[in-house]
N, C-alpha and C. Protein backbone atom coordinates (compact mmCIF):
# COMPACT_ATOMS: atom_id res chain seq x y z
N UNK A 1 44.12 25.70 -32.16
CA UNK A 1 45.39 25.01 -32.41
C UNK A 1 45.39 23.66 -31.71
N UNK A 2 45.80 22.62 -32.41
CA UNK A 2 45.78 21.28 -31.84
C UNK A 2 47.22 20.76 -31.77
N UNK A 3 47.51 19.96 -30.80
CA UNK A 3 48.83 19.36 -30.66
C UNK A 3 48.64 17.91 -30.28
N UNK A 4 49.33 17.01 -30.89
CA UNK A 4 49.25 15.59 -30.57
C UNK A 4 50.10 15.28 -29.37
N UNK A 5 49.55 14.45 -28.49
CA UNK A 5 50.28 14.02 -27.29
C UNK A 5 51.17 12.85 -27.66
N UNK A 6 52.29 12.70 -27.00
CA UNK A 6 53.16 11.54 -27.21
C UNK A 6 52.41 10.25 -26.94
N UNK A 7 52.76 9.21 -27.69
CA UNK A 7 52.05 7.94 -27.57
C UNK A 7 52.08 7.40 -26.13
N UNK A 8 53.19 7.51 -25.46
CA UNK A 8 53.28 6.98 -24.09
C UNK A 8 52.34 7.66 -23.17
N UNK A 9 52.17 8.98 -23.31
CA UNK A 9 51.29 9.76 -22.43
C UNK A 9 49.82 9.40 -22.73
N UNK A 10 49.53 9.21 -24.02
CA UNK A 10 48.14 8.85 -24.36
C UNK A 10 47.78 7.51 -23.74
N UNK A 11 48.71 6.54 -23.83
CA UNK A 11 48.42 5.25 -23.24
C UNK A 11 48.25 5.33 -21.74
N UNK A 12 49.09 6.13 -21.10
CA UNK A 12 49.01 6.26 -19.67
C UNK A 12 47.70 6.89 -19.24
N UNK A 13 47.29 7.93 -20.00
CA UNK A 13 45.99 8.58 -19.67
C UNK A 13 44.82 7.63 -19.95
N UNK A 14 44.90 6.84 -20.98
CA UNK A 14 43.84 5.90 -21.27
C UNK A 14 43.65 4.89 -20.15
N UNK A 15 44.74 4.37 -19.65
CA UNK A 15 44.68 3.41 -18.55
C UNK A 15 44.10 4.04 -17.29
N UNK A 16 44.46 5.26 -17.04
CA UNK A 16 43.95 5.91 -15.84
C UNK A 16 42.45 6.10 -15.92
N UNK A 17 41.87 6.25 -17.11
CA UNK A 17 40.43 6.41 -17.26
C UNK A 17 39.73 5.06 -17.28
N UNK A 18 40.33 4.09 -17.99
CA UNK A 18 39.68 2.80 -18.15
C UNK A 18 39.64 1.97 -16.89
N UNK A 19 40.68 2.03 -16.09
CA UNK A 19 40.75 1.18 -14.92
C UNK A 19 39.63 1.45 -13.91
N UNK A 20 39.30 2.72 -13.58
CA UNK A 20 38.18 2.94 -12.68
C UNK A 20 36.88 2.42 -13.26
N UNK A 21 36.67 2.60 -14.57
CA UNK A 21 35.43 2.12 -15.21
C UNK A 21 35.30 0.60 -15.06
N UNK A 22 36.43 -0.09 -15.29
CA UNK A 22 36.37 -1.55 -15.15
C UNK A 22 36.18 -1.97 -13.70
N UNK A 23 36.75 -1.19 -12.78
CA UNK A 23 36.61 -1.53 -11.37
C UNK A 23 35.20 -1.34 -10.89
N UNK A 24 34.42 -0.39 -11.51
CA UNK A 24 33.06 -0.13 -11.09
C UNK A 24 32.11 -1.18 -11.56
N UNK A 25 32.43 -1.92 -12.63
CA UNK A 25 31.50 -2.87 -13.22
C UNK A 25 31.08 -3.93 -12.24
N UNK A 26 31.96 -4.58 -11.46
CA UNK A 26 31.50 -5.58 -10.48
C UNK A 26 30.58 -4.95 -9.44
N UNK A 27 30.81 -3.68 -9.05
CA UNK A 27 29.98 -3.03 -8.07
C UNK A 27 28.55 -2.86 -8.59
N UNK A 28 28.44 -2.41 -9.89
CA UNK A 28 27.14 -2.24 -10.50
C UNK A 28 26.40 -3.54 -10.60
N UNK A 29 27.10 -4.61 -11.03
CA UNK A 29 26.47 -5.92 -11.10
C UNK A 29 26.03 -6.41 -9.73
N UNK A 30 26.82 -6.10 -8.69
CA UNK A 30 26.45 -6.49 -7.36
C UNK A 30 25.20 -5.76 -6.88
N UNK A 31 25.08 -4.49 -7.23
CA UNK A 31 23.89 -3.71 -6.86
C UNK A 31 22.68 -4.25 -7.56
N UNK A 32 22.80 -4.53 -8.86
CA UNK A 32 21.68 -5.10 -9.62
C UNK A 32 21.20 -6.40 -9.03
N UNK A 33 22.17 -7.24 -8.66
CA UNK A 33 21.79 -8.56 -8.11
C UNK A 33 21.09 -8.39 -6.77
N UNK A 34 21.52 -7.42 -5.97
CA UNK A 34 20.89 -7.18 -4.67
C UNK A 34 19.49 -6.61 -4.85
N UNK A 35 19.34 -5.67 -5.79
CA UNK A 35 18.01 -5.10 -6.07
C UNK A 35 17.07 -6.18 -6.53
N UNK A 36 17.53 -7.06 -7.43
CA UNK A 36 16.69 -8.13 -7.93
C UNK A 36 16.28 -9.07 -6.79
N UNK A 37 17.20 -9.39 -5.87
CA UNK A 37 16.88 -10.27 -4.76
C UNK A 37 15.85 -9.63 -3.85
N UNK A 38 16.04 -8.34 -3.49
CA UNK A 38 15.12 -7.68 -2.57
C UNK A 38 13.71 -7.58 -3.20
N UNK A 39 13.69 -7.21 -4.49
CA UNK A 39 12.38 -7.06 -5.15
C UNK A 39 11.66 -8.39 -5.25
N UNK A 40 12.43 -9.46 -5.60
CA UNK A 40 11.79 -10.78 -5.75
C UNK A 40 11.23 -11.25 -4.41
N UNK A 41 11.95 -11.07 -3.33
CA UNK A 41 11.44 -11.47 -2.02
C UNK A 41 10.24 -10.65 -1.61
N UNK A 42 10.33 -9.31 -1.85
CA UNK A 42 9.19 -8.44 -1.49
C UNK A 42 7.96 -8.76 -2.31
N UNK A 43 8.13 -9.01 -3.60
CA UNK A 43 6.95 -9.34 -4.45
C UNK A 43 6.29 -10.62 -3.99
N UNK A 44 7.07 -11.63 -3.64
CA UNK A 44 6.53 -12.90 -3.21
C UNK A 44 5.69 -12.69 -1.93
N UNK A 45 6.18 -11.87 -1.04
CA UNK A 45 5.48 -11.65 0.22
C UNK A 45 4.20 -10.83 -0.01
N UNK A 46 4.28 -9.81 -0.85
CA UNK A 46 3.11 -8.95 -1.13
C UNK A 46 2.08 -9.71 -1.93
N UNK A 47 2.51 -10.55 -2.85
CA UNK A 47 1.58 -11.33 -3.63
C UNK A 47 0.74 -12.27 -2.74
N UNK A 48 1.41 -12.92 -1.80
CA UNK A 48 0.70 -13.81 -0.88
C UNK A 48 -0.26 -13.02 0.02
N UNK A 49 0.22 -11.87 0.54
CA UNK A 49 -0.59 -11.07 1.42
C UNK A 49 -1.79 -10.46 0.65
N UNK A 50 -1.60 -10.14 -0.62
CA UNK A 50 -2.69 -9.55 -1.39
C UNK A 50 -3.81 -10.58 -1.58
N UNK A 51 -3.46 -11.82 -1.87
CA UNK A 51 -4.46 -12.88 -2.00
C UNK A 51 -5.32 -12.98 -0.75
N UNK A 52 -4.68 -12.96 0.41
CA UNK A 52 -5.40 -13.10 1.68
C UNK A 52 -6.24 -11.85 1.96
N UNK A 53 -5.69 -10.69 1.73
CA UNK A 53 -6.41 -9.42 2.02
C UNK A 53 -7.57 -9.25 1.08
N UNK A 54 -7.39 -9.57 -0.19
CA UNK A 54 -8.50 -9.45 -1.15
C UNK A 54 -9.66 -10.36 -0.77
N UNK A 55 -9.36 -11.56 -0.32
CA UNK A 55 -10.38 -12.48 0.07
C UNK A 55 -11.21 -11.97 1.23
N UNK A 56 -10.60 -11.19 2.11
CA UNK A 56 -11.34 -10.65 3.26
C UNK A 56 -12.16 -9.42 2.90
N UNK A 57 -11.67 -8.60 1.99
CA UNK A 57 -12.41 -7.42 1.59
C UNK A 57 -13.46 -7.70 0.52
N UNK A 58 -13.23 -8.75 -0.27
CA UNK A 58 -14.17 -9.20 -1.32
C UNK A 58 -14.54 -10.66 -1.09
N UNK A 59 -15.32 -10.99 -0.08
CA UNK A 59 -15.67 -12.38 0.17
C UNK A 59 -16.30 -13.03 -1.09
N UNK A 60 -15.69 -14.11 -1.53
CA UNK A 60 -16.21 -14.79 -2.72
C UNK A 60 -15.57 -14.32 -4.00
N UNK A 61 -14.73 -13.29 -3.94
CA UNK A 61 -14.09 -12.76 -5.15
C UNK A 61 -12.66 -13.33 -5.28
N UNK A 62 -12.00 -12.94 -6.38
CA UNK A 62 -10.65 -13.41 -6.64
C UNK A 62 -9.78 -12.21 -7.04
N UNK A 63 -8.59 -12.16 -6.51
CA UNK A 63 -7.65 -11.09 -6.87
C UNK A 63 -6.22 -11.58 -6.78
N UNK A 64 -5.38 -11.08 -7.71
CA UNK A 64 -3.99 -11.52 -7.67
C UNK A 64 -3.10 -10.47 -8.33
N UNK A 65 -1.82 -10.55 -8.05
CA UNK A 65 -0.81 -9.69 -8.67
C UNK A 65 -0.10 -10.49 -9.78
N UNK A 66 0.17 -9.82 -10.88
CA UNK A 66 0.79 -10.51 -12.04
C UNK A 66 1.97 -9.66 -12.52
N UNK A 67 3.10 -10.31 -12.75
CA UNK A 67 4.28 -9.66 -13.30
C UNK A 67 4.12 -9.55 -14.80
N UNK A 68 4.44 -8.39 -15.38
CA UNK A 68 4.34 -8.18 -16.81
C UNK A 68 5.51 -8.81 -17.55
N UNK A 69 6.65 -8.95 -16.91
CA UNK A 69 7.85 -9.54 -17.52
C UNK A 69 8.60 -10.32 -16.46
N UNK A 70 8.10 -11.48 -16.09
CA UNK A 70 8.70 -12.28 -15.01
C UNK A 70 10.13 -12.73 -15.33
N UNK A 71 10.53 -12.69 -16.59
CA UNK A 71 11.90 -13.09 -16.92
C UNK A 71 12.94 -12.04 -16.61
N UNK A 72 12.52 -10.84 -16.34
CA UNK A 72 13.47 -9.76 -16.05
C UNK A 72 12.92 -8.98 -14.87
N UNK A 73 13.32 -9.34 -13.67
CA UNK A 73 12.78 -8.74 -12.47
C UNK A 73 13.21 -7.28 -12.26
N UNK A 74 14.25 -6.85 -12.98
CA UNK A 74 14.74 -5.48 -12.86
C UNK A 74 13.90 -4.49 -13.67
N UNK A 75 13.18 -4.97 -14.66
CA UNK A 75 12.40 -4.09 -15.52
C UNK A 75 10.91 -4.40 -15.58
N UNK A 76 10.49 -5.48 -14.89
CA UNK A 76 9.11 -5.90 -14.96
C UNK A 76 8.20 -4.93 -14.28
N UNK A 77 6.94 -4.91 -14.74
CA UNK A 77 5.92 -4.15 -14.04
C UNK A 77 5.03 -5.11 -13.28
N UNK A 78 4.08 -4.55 -12.52
CA UNK A 78 3.18 -5.35 -11.73
C UNK A 78 1.73 -4.91 -12.05
N UNK A 79 0.90 -5.86 -12.47
CA UNK A 79 -0.50 -5.57 -12.74
C UNK A 79 -1.39 -6.22 -11.69
N UNK A 80 -2.53 -5.62 -11.47
CA UNK A 80 -3.49 -6.14 -10.48
C UNK A 80 -4.72 -6.66 -11.21
N UNK A 81 -5.03 -7.87 -10.97
CA UNK A 81 -6.27 -8.47 -11.50
C UNK A 81 -7.26 -8.64 -10.34
N UNK A 82 -8.49 -8.21 -10.58
CA UNK A 82 -9.47 -8.26 -9.50
C UNK A 82 -10.82 -8.67 -10.08
N UNK A 83 -11.45 -9.67 -9.48
CA UNK A 83 -12.80 -10.07 -9.87
C UNK A 83 -13.67 -10.11 -8.61
N UNK A 84 -14.46 -9.04 -8.38
CA UNK A 84 -15.37 -9.04 -7.23
C UNK A 84 -16.40 -10.13 -7.37
N UNK A 85 -17.02 -10.52 -6.28
CA UNK A 85 -18.02 -11.59 -6.30
C UNK A 85 -19.20 -11.21 -7.19
N UNK A 86 -19.61 -12.15 -8.02
CA UNK A 86 -20.78 -11.88 -8.89
C UNK A 86 -20.41 -11.24 -10.21
N UNK A 87 -19.12 -10.98 -10.47
CA UNK A 87 -18.69 -10.37 -11.70
C UNK A 87 -17.66 -11.24 -12.39
N UNK A 88 -17.60 -11.13 -13.73
CA UNK A 88 -16.65 -11.89 -14.50
C UNK A 88 -15.45 -11.08 -14.94
N UNK A 89 -15.53 -9.78 -14.84
CA UNK A 89 -14.44 -8.89 -15.32
C UNK A 89 -13.30 -8.94 -14.33
N UNK A 90 -12.07 -8.72 -14.89
CA UNK A 90 -10.87 -8.64 -14.05
C UNK A 90 -10.14 -7.31 -14.21
N UNK A 91 -10.45 -6.56 -15.28
CA UNK A 91 -9.76 -5.29 -15.51
C UNK A 91 -10.31 -4.24 -14.56
N UNK A 92 -9.39 -3.48 -13.95
CA UNK A 92 -9.80 -2.48 -12.98
C UNK A 92 -10.65 -1.38 -13.61
N UNK A 93 -10.41 -1.08 -14.90
CA UNK A 93 -11.14 -0.02 -15.56
C UNK A 93 -12.61 -0.33 -15.68
N UNK A 94 -12.98 -1.61 -15.58
CA UNK A 94 -14.39 -2.02 -15.71
C UNK A 94 -15.09 -2.11 -14.38
N UNK A 95 -14.38 -1.87 -13.30
CA UNK A 95 -15.00 -1.90 -11.97
C UNK A 95 -15.58 -0.54 -11.61
N UNK A 96 -16.47 -0.55 -10.66
CA UNK A 96 -17.02 0.72 -10.18
C UNK A 96 -15.97 1.50 -9.37
N UNK A 97 -16.24 2.76 -9.12
CA UNK A 97 -15.31 3.60 -8.37
C UNK A 97 -15.03 3.03 -7.00
N UNK A 98 -16.09 2.57 -6.31
CA UNK A 98 -15.93 2.01 -5.01
C UNK A 98 -15.12 0.75 -5.02
N UNK A 99 -15.35 -0.07 -5.99
CA UNK A 99 -14.59 -1.35 -6.12
C UNK A 99 -13.12 -1.10 -6.38
N UNK A 100 -12.84 -0.10 -7.25
CA UNK A 100 -11.44 0.22 -7.51
C UNK A 100 -10.74 0.75 -6.26
N UNK A 101 -11.48 1.53 -5.49
CA UNK A 101 -10.92 2.03 -4.22
C UNK A 101 -10.60 0.90 -3.27
N UNK A 102 -11.51 -0.07 -3.20
CA UNK A 102 -11.29 -1.19 -2.28
C UNK A 102 -10.15 -2.07 -2.73
N UNK A 103 -9.98 -2.21 -4.05
CA UNK A 103 -8.84 -2.99 -4.56
C UNK A 103 -7.53 -2.28 -4.18
N UNK A 104 -7.50 -0.94 -4.35
CA UNK A 104 -6.31 -0.17 -3.94
C UNK A 104 -6.03 -0.34 -2.45
N UNK A 105 -7.07 -0.33 -1.64
CA UNK A 105 -6.90 -0.51 -0.21
C UNK A 105 -6.34 -1.92 0.08
N UNK A 106 -6.84 -2.91 -0.64
CA UNK A 106 -6.33 -4.29 -0.46
C UNK A 106 -4.85 -4.36 -0.76
N UNK A 107 -4.40 -3.64 -1.79
CA UNK A 107 -2.99 -3.65 -2.13
C UNK A 107 -2.17 -2.93 -1.03
N UNK A 108 -2.67 -1.82 -0.54
CA UNK A 108 -1.98 -1.11 0.55
C UNK A 108 -1.84 -1.96 1.80
N UNK A 109 -2.90 -2.62 2.17
CA UNK A 109 -2.89 -3.45 3.37
C UNK A 109 -1.96 -4.65 3.16
N UNK A 110 -1.89 -5.16 1.94
CA UNK A 110 -0.93 -6.25 1.62
C UNK A 110 0.50 -5.78 1.83
N UNK A 111 0.79 -4.52 1.45
CA UNK A 111 2.09 -3.93 1.68
C UNK A 111 2.37 -3.81 3.16
N UNK A 112 1.36 -3.37 3.92
CA UNK A 112 1.50 -3.29 5.38
C UNK A 112 1.85 -4.62 5.99
N UNK A 113 1.18 -5.66 5.51
CA UNK A 113 1.40 -6.98 6.09
C UNK A 113 2.74 -7.56 5.70
N UNK A 114 3.17 -7.32 4.45
CA UNK A 114 4.45 -7.87 3.97
C UNK A 114 5.66 -7.14 4.53
N UNK A 115 5.55 -5.80 4.68
CA UNK A 115 6.66 -5.00 5.20
C UNK A 115 6.09 -4.04 6.26
N UNK A 116 5.90 -4.51 7.48
CA UNK A 116 5.27 -3.71 8.52
C UNK A 116 6.07 -2.45 8.87
N UNK A 117 5.34 -1.43 9.32
CA UNK A 117 5.93 -0.19 9.78
C UNK A 117 5.32 0.16 11.12
N UNK A 118 5.99 0.94 11.99
CA UNK A 118 5.42 1.29 13.29
C UNK A 118 4.13 2.10 13.21
N UNK A 119 3.98 2.96 12.19
CA UNK A 119 2.74 3.72 12.07
C UNK A 119 2.48 4.06 10.60
N UNK A 120 1.22 4.37 10.33
CA UNK A 120 0.79 4.72 8.98
C UNK A 120 -0.15 5.93 9.05
N UNK A 121 -0.10 6.76 8.03
CA UNK A 121 -0.99 7.90 7.90
C UNK A 121 -1.84 7.68 6.66
N UNK A 122 -3.14 7.54 6.84
CA UNK A 122 -4.05 7.27 5.72
C UNK A 122 -5.04 8.44 5.61
N UNK A 123 -5.10 8.96 4.40
CA UNK A 123 -5.94 10.16 4.13
C UNK A 123 -7.18 9.80 3.34
N UNK A 124 -8.30 9.61 4.06
CA UNK A 124 -9.63 9.33 3.44
C UNK A 124 -9.59 8.18 2.43
N UNK A 125 -8.92 7.11 2.78
CA UNK A 125 -8.84 5.99 1.86
C UNK A 125 -10.17 5.30 1.69
N UNK A 126 -11.11 5.55 2.60
CA UNK A 126 -12.40 4.87 2.53
C UNK A 126 -13.51 5.82 2.06
N UNK A 127 -13.14 6.93 1.46
CA UNK A 127 -14.14 7.97 1.07
C UNK A 127 -15.17 7.42 0.11
N UNK A 128 -14.78 6.50 -0.78
CA UNK A 128 -15.69 6.00 -1.79
C UNK A 128 -16.38 4.68 -1.42
N UNK A 129 -16.20 4.25 -0.16
CA UNK A 129 -16.76 2.97 0.29
C UNK A 129 -18.07 3.16 1.01
N UNK A 130 -18.94 2.13 0.90
CA UNK A 130 -20.16 2.17 1.68
C UNK A 130 -19.92 1.65 3.08
N UNK A 131 -20.95 1.69 3.94
CA UNK A 131 -20.77 1.33 5.35
C UNK A 131 -20.31 -0.10 5.54
N UNK A 132 -20.84 -1.03 4.74
CA UNK A 132 -20.50 -2.45 4.87
C UNK A 132 -19.00 -2.64 4.65
N UNK A 133 -18.49 -2.06 3.55
CA UNK A 133 -17.10 -2.26 3.21
C UNK A 133 -16.18 -1.48 4.09
N UNK A 134 -16.63 -0.33 4.65
CA UNK A 134 -15.83 0.39 5.65
C UNK A 134 -15.70 -0.50 6.89
N UNK A 135 -16.77 -1.20 7.24
CA UNK A 135 -16.72 -2.12 8.38
C UNK A 135 -15.70 -3.23 8.17
N UNK A 136 -15.65 -3.77 6.93
CA UNK A 136 -14.65 -4.80 6.66
C UNK A 136 -13.20 -4.23 6.75
N UNK A 137 -13.02 -3.02 6.23
CA UNK A 137 -11.72 -2.39 6.28
C UNK A 137 -11.30 -2.13 7.70
N UNK A 138 -12.19 -1.59 8.49
CA UNK A 138 -11.88 -1.28 9.91
C UNK A 138 -11.51 -2.55 10.66
N UNK A 139 -12.25 -3.63 10.43
CA UNK A 139 -11.96 -4.89 11.11
C UNK A 139 -10.59 -5.40 10.67
N UNK A 140 -10.23 -5.21 9.43
CA UNK A 140 -8.94 -5.65 8.92
C UNK A 140 -7.80 -4.84 9.57
N UNK A 141 -7.99 -3.53 9.65
CA UNK A 141 -6.95 -2.70 10.25
C UNK A 141 -6.76 -2.99 11.72
N UNK A 142 -7.84 -3.38 12.39
CA UNK A 142 -7.75 -3.66 13.84
C UNK A 142 -6.87 -4.89 14.11
N UNK A 143 -6.75 -5.77 13.13
CA UNK A 143 -5.88 -6.92 13.28
C UNK A 143 -4.42 -6.52 13.43
N UNK A 144 -4.08 -5.28 12.99
CA UNK A 144 -2.70 -4.81 13.02
C UNK A 144 -2.46 -3.84 14.15
N UNK A 145 -3.43 -3.63 15.02
CA UNK A 145 -3.28 -2.61 16.06
C UNK A 145 -2.19 -2.92 17.07
N UNK A 146 -1.86 -4.21 17.25
CA UNK A 146 -0.83 -4.57 18.20
C UNK A 146 0.56 -4.29 17.65
N UNK A 147 0.70 -4.21 16.32
CA UNK A 147 2.00 -4.00 15.68
C UNK A 147 2.19 -2.59 15.16
N UNK A 148 1.14 -1.94 14.77
CA UNK A 148 1.25 -0.61 14.14
C UNK A 148 0.16 0.32 14.65
N UNK A 149 0.44 1.61 14.50
CA UNK A 149 -0.55 2.63 14.84
C UNK A 149 -1.01 3.31 13.56
N UNK A 150 -2.32 3.52 13.45
CA UNK A 150 -2.89 4.15 12.26
C UNK A 150 -3.43 5.53 12.58
N UNK A 151 -2.99 6.49 11.82
CA UNK A 151 -3.52 7.84 11.91
C UNK A 151 -4.36 8.04 10.64
N UNK A 152 -5.66 8.12 10.79
CA UNK A 152 -6.60 8.14 9.64
C UNK A 152 -7.31 9.48 9.58
N UNK A 153 -7.19 10.17 8.49
CA UNK A 153 -7.99 11.40 8.24
C UNK A 153 -9.27 10.94 7.54
N UNK A 154 -10.41 11.26 8.13
CA UNK A 154 -11.67 10.74 7.61
C UNK A 154 -12.84 11.63 7.95
N UNK A 155 -13.89 11.50 7.15
CA UNK A 155 -15.18 12.10 7.43
C UNK A 155 -16.25 11.04 7.62
N UNK A 156 -15.84 9.78 7.61
CA UNK A 156 -16.78 8.66 7.73
C UNK A 156 -17.07 8.33 9.18
N UNK A 157 -18.34 8.28 9.49
CA UNK A 157 -18.76 7.99 10.85
C UNK A 157 -18.31 6.61 11.35
N UNK A 158 -18.40 5.61 10.46
CA UNK A 158 -18.07 4.26 10.83
C UNK A 158 -16.58 4.16 11.23
N UNK A 159 -15.74 4.89 10.50
CA UNK A 159 -14.30 4.89 10.84
C UNK A 159 -14.07 5.55 12.18
N UNK A 160 -14.75 6.67 12.41
CA UNK A 160 -14.62 7.40 13.69
C UNK A 160 -15.05 6.53 14.84
N UNK A 161 -16.14 5.77 14.64
CA UNK A 161 -16.64 4.91 15.72
C UNK A 161 -15.64 3.85 16.16
N UNK A 162 -14.78 3.45 15.23
CA UNK A 162 -13.82 2.40 15.52
C UNK A 162 -12.50 2.90 16.09
N UNK A 163 -12.33 4.24 16.13
CA UNK A 163 -11.05 4.81 16.56
C UNK A 163 -10.89 4.72 18.09
N UNK A 164 -9.65 4.63 18.51
CA UNK A 164 -9.33 4.67 19.94
C UNK A 164 -9.35 6.08 20.46
N UNK A 165 -8.86 7.01 19.62
CA UNK A 165 -8.82 8.43 20.01
C UNK A 165 -9.26 9.26 18.78
N UNK A 166 -10.10 10.26 19.05
CA UNK A 166 -10.57 11.14 17.98
C UNK A 166 -9.97 12.56 18.17
N UNK A 167 -9.52 13.13 17.07
CA UNK A 167 -9.06 14.53 17.10
C UNK A 167 -9.81 15.30 16.03
N UNK A 168 -10.27 16.46 16.35
CA UNK A 168 -10.99 17.27 15.39
C UNK A 168 -10.73 18.75 15.58
N UNK A 169 -11.10 19.53 14.61
CA UNK A 169 -10.92 20.98 14.66
C UNK A 169 -12.29 21.65 14.60
N UNK A 170 -12.55 22.56 15.54
CA UNK A 170 -13.82 23.26 15.58
C UNK A 170 -13.53 24.75 15.74
N UNK A 171 -14.55 25.55 15.43
CA UNK A 171 -14.40 26.99 15.53
C UNK A 171 -15.17 27.51 16.76
N UNK A 172 -14.45 28.19 17.62
CA UNK A 172 -15.07 28.73 18.83
C UNK A 172 -15.91 29.96 18.57
N UNK A 173 -16.50 30.49 19.64
CA UNK A 173 -17.33 31.70 19.51
C UNK A 173 -16.54 32.89 19.06
N UNK A 174 -15.23 32.89 19.36
CA UNK A 174 -14.41 34.03 18.95
C UNK A 174 -13.88 33.90 17.54
N UNK A 175 -14.30 32.82 16.83
CA UNK A 175 -13.85 32.64 15.45
C UNK A 175 -12.51 31.95 15.31
N UNK A 176 -11.89 31.59 16.40
CA UNK A 176 -10.57 30.93 16.34
C UNK A 176 -10.76 29.42 16.30
N UNK A 177 -9.93 28.74 15.51
CA UNK A 177 -9.98 27.28 15.43
C UNK A 177 -9.42 26.64 16.66
N UNK A 178 -10.03 25.59 17.13
CA UNK A 178 -9.58 24.86 18.29
C UNK A 178 -9.49 23.38 18.00
N UNK A 179 -8.49 22.73 18.55
CA UNK A 179 -8.33 21.27 18.40
C UNK A 179 -8.97 20.60 19.62
N UNK A 180 -9.88 19.67 19.36
CA UNK A 180 -10.53 18.94 20.44
C UNK A 180 -10.20 17.45 20.28
N UNK A 181 -10.22 16.72 21.38
CA UNK A 181 -9.90 15.30 21.32
C UNK A 181 -10.83 14.56 22.26
N UNK A 182 -11.01 13.29 21.95
CA UNK A 182 -11.85 12.39 22.80
C UNK A 182 -11.32 11.00 22.71
N UNK A 183 -11.14 10.36 23.85
CA UNK A 183 -10.65 8.98 23.89
C UNK A 183 -11.85 8.05 24.08
N UNK A 184 -11.96 7.08 23.16
CA UNK A 184 -13.05 6.14 23.20
C UNK A 184 -12.78 5.06 24.26
N UNK A 185 -13.79 4.74 25.05
CA UNK A 185 -13.60 3.68 26.03
C UNK A 185 -13.51 2.35 25.33
N UNK A 186 -12.66 1.48 25.87
CA UNK A 186 -12.45 0.15 25.26
C UNK A 186 -13.72 -0.65 25.22
N UNK A 187 -14.56 -0.52 26.26
CA UNK A 187 -15.81 -1.27 26.30
C UNK A 187 -16.74 -0.80 25.18
N UNK A 188 -16.74 0.53 24.93
CA UNK A 188 -17.59 1.06 23.90
C UNK A 188 -17.17 0.60 22.50
N UNK A 189 -15.85 0.51 22.28
CA UNK A 189 -15.34 0.04 21.00
C UNK A 189 -15.75 -1.41 20.77
N UNK A 190 -15.58 -2.24 21.78
CA UNK A 190 -15.92 -3.64 21.66
C UNK A 190 -17.43 -3.81 21.46
N UNK A 191 -18.24 -2.95 22.10
CA UNK A 191 -19.69 -3.04 21.95
C UNK A 191 -20.11 -2.70 20.53
N UNK A 192 -19.45 -1.65 19.95
CA UNK A 192 -19.75 -1.29 18.59
C UNK A 192 -19.40 -2.42 17.61
N UNK A 193 -18.23 -3.04 17.82
CA UNK A 193 -17.84 -4.11 16.92
C UNK A 193 -18.76 -5.33 17.05
N UNK A 194 -19.18 -5.61 18.27
CA UNK A 194 -20.05 -6.76 18.49
C UNK A 194 -21.42 -6.53 17.86
N UNK A 195 -21.89 -5.30 17.97
CA UNK A 195 -23.22 -4.96 17.42
C UNK A 195 -23.27 -5.06 15.92
N UNK A 196 -22.14 -4.80 15.26
CA UNK A 196 -22.07 -4.80 13.81
C UNK A 196 -21.51 -6.08 13.26
N UNK A 197 -21.13 -7.03 14.12
CA UNK A 197 -20.45 -8.22 13.65
C UNK A 197 -21.28 -9.09 12.76
N UNK A 198 -22.60 -9.13 12.93
CA UNK A 198 -23.44 -10.02 12.13
C UNK A 198 -24.03 -9.36 10.89
N UNK A 199 -23.62 -8.15 10.59
CA UNK A 199 -24.18 -7.45 9.47
C UNK A 199 -23.78 -8.09 8.16
N UNK A 200 -24.74 -8.37 7.25
CA UNK A 200 -24.41 -9.06 6.00
C UNK A 200 -23.59 -8.16 5.08
N UNK A 201 -22.83 -8.80 4.18
CA UNK A 201 -22.01 -8.04 3.22
C UNK A 201 -22.83 -7.51 2.07
N UNK A 202 -22.22 -6.62 1.30
CA UNK A 202 -22.87 -6.03 0.17
C UNK A 202 -21.82 -5.61 -0.82
N UNK A 203 -22.18 -5.56 -2.06
CA UNK A 203 -21.22 -5.19 -3.11
C UNK A 203 -20.94 -3.69 -3.01
N UNK A 204 -19.69 -3.33 -3.23
CA UNK A 204 -19.29 -1.95 -3.17
C UNK A 204 -19.89 -1.17 -4.34
N UNK A 205 -20.43 0.00 -4.08
CA UNK A 205 -20.97 0.84 -5.15
C UNK A 205 -20.09 2.01 -5.43
N UNK A 206 -20.51 2.88 -6.30
CA UNK A 206 -19.74 4.08 -6.68
C UNK A 206 -19.69 5.04 -5.53
């Protein structure tokens, strides 16, 4: 059964619904404007940091970030172009597995530089890298040691050699797991870095 409401009541109810909707519109526009401002500023900082980081991890190469729709910062995507030294390709799909990993690391480090955090947890980010490129990555991360602390899960010897403190899990004679730790002496860390400082670069492999 349906009953029609008096015209006055319908108008009153309509205003009660419409007014909050109209009141919310400036708030939504304000949020969109703020999101666009924050993203634009962050992108500019990360783009600059990515150029610098890529140049250090790929000496002689070129890398940059590109907006897919720069006219609409609220819906645009971000693409990565990377050309390692000695190659003409820029598409990530045409790079080797190790090169793609190093490009991803360059982007992460660019984020670290643009928007620093007190600490980071990295899980085997260098698993696909060779010793030369692990050395470049470790040297890059050491530049941030005064501002941030890195907790790195790794099986790579080069990364372990550069750590200030090592933590590991071993199994004792009774079959129970035990956590062991070792603090690296500052002189030993500096000696390792100095010994490897003149090592020539090499292209990243799979």
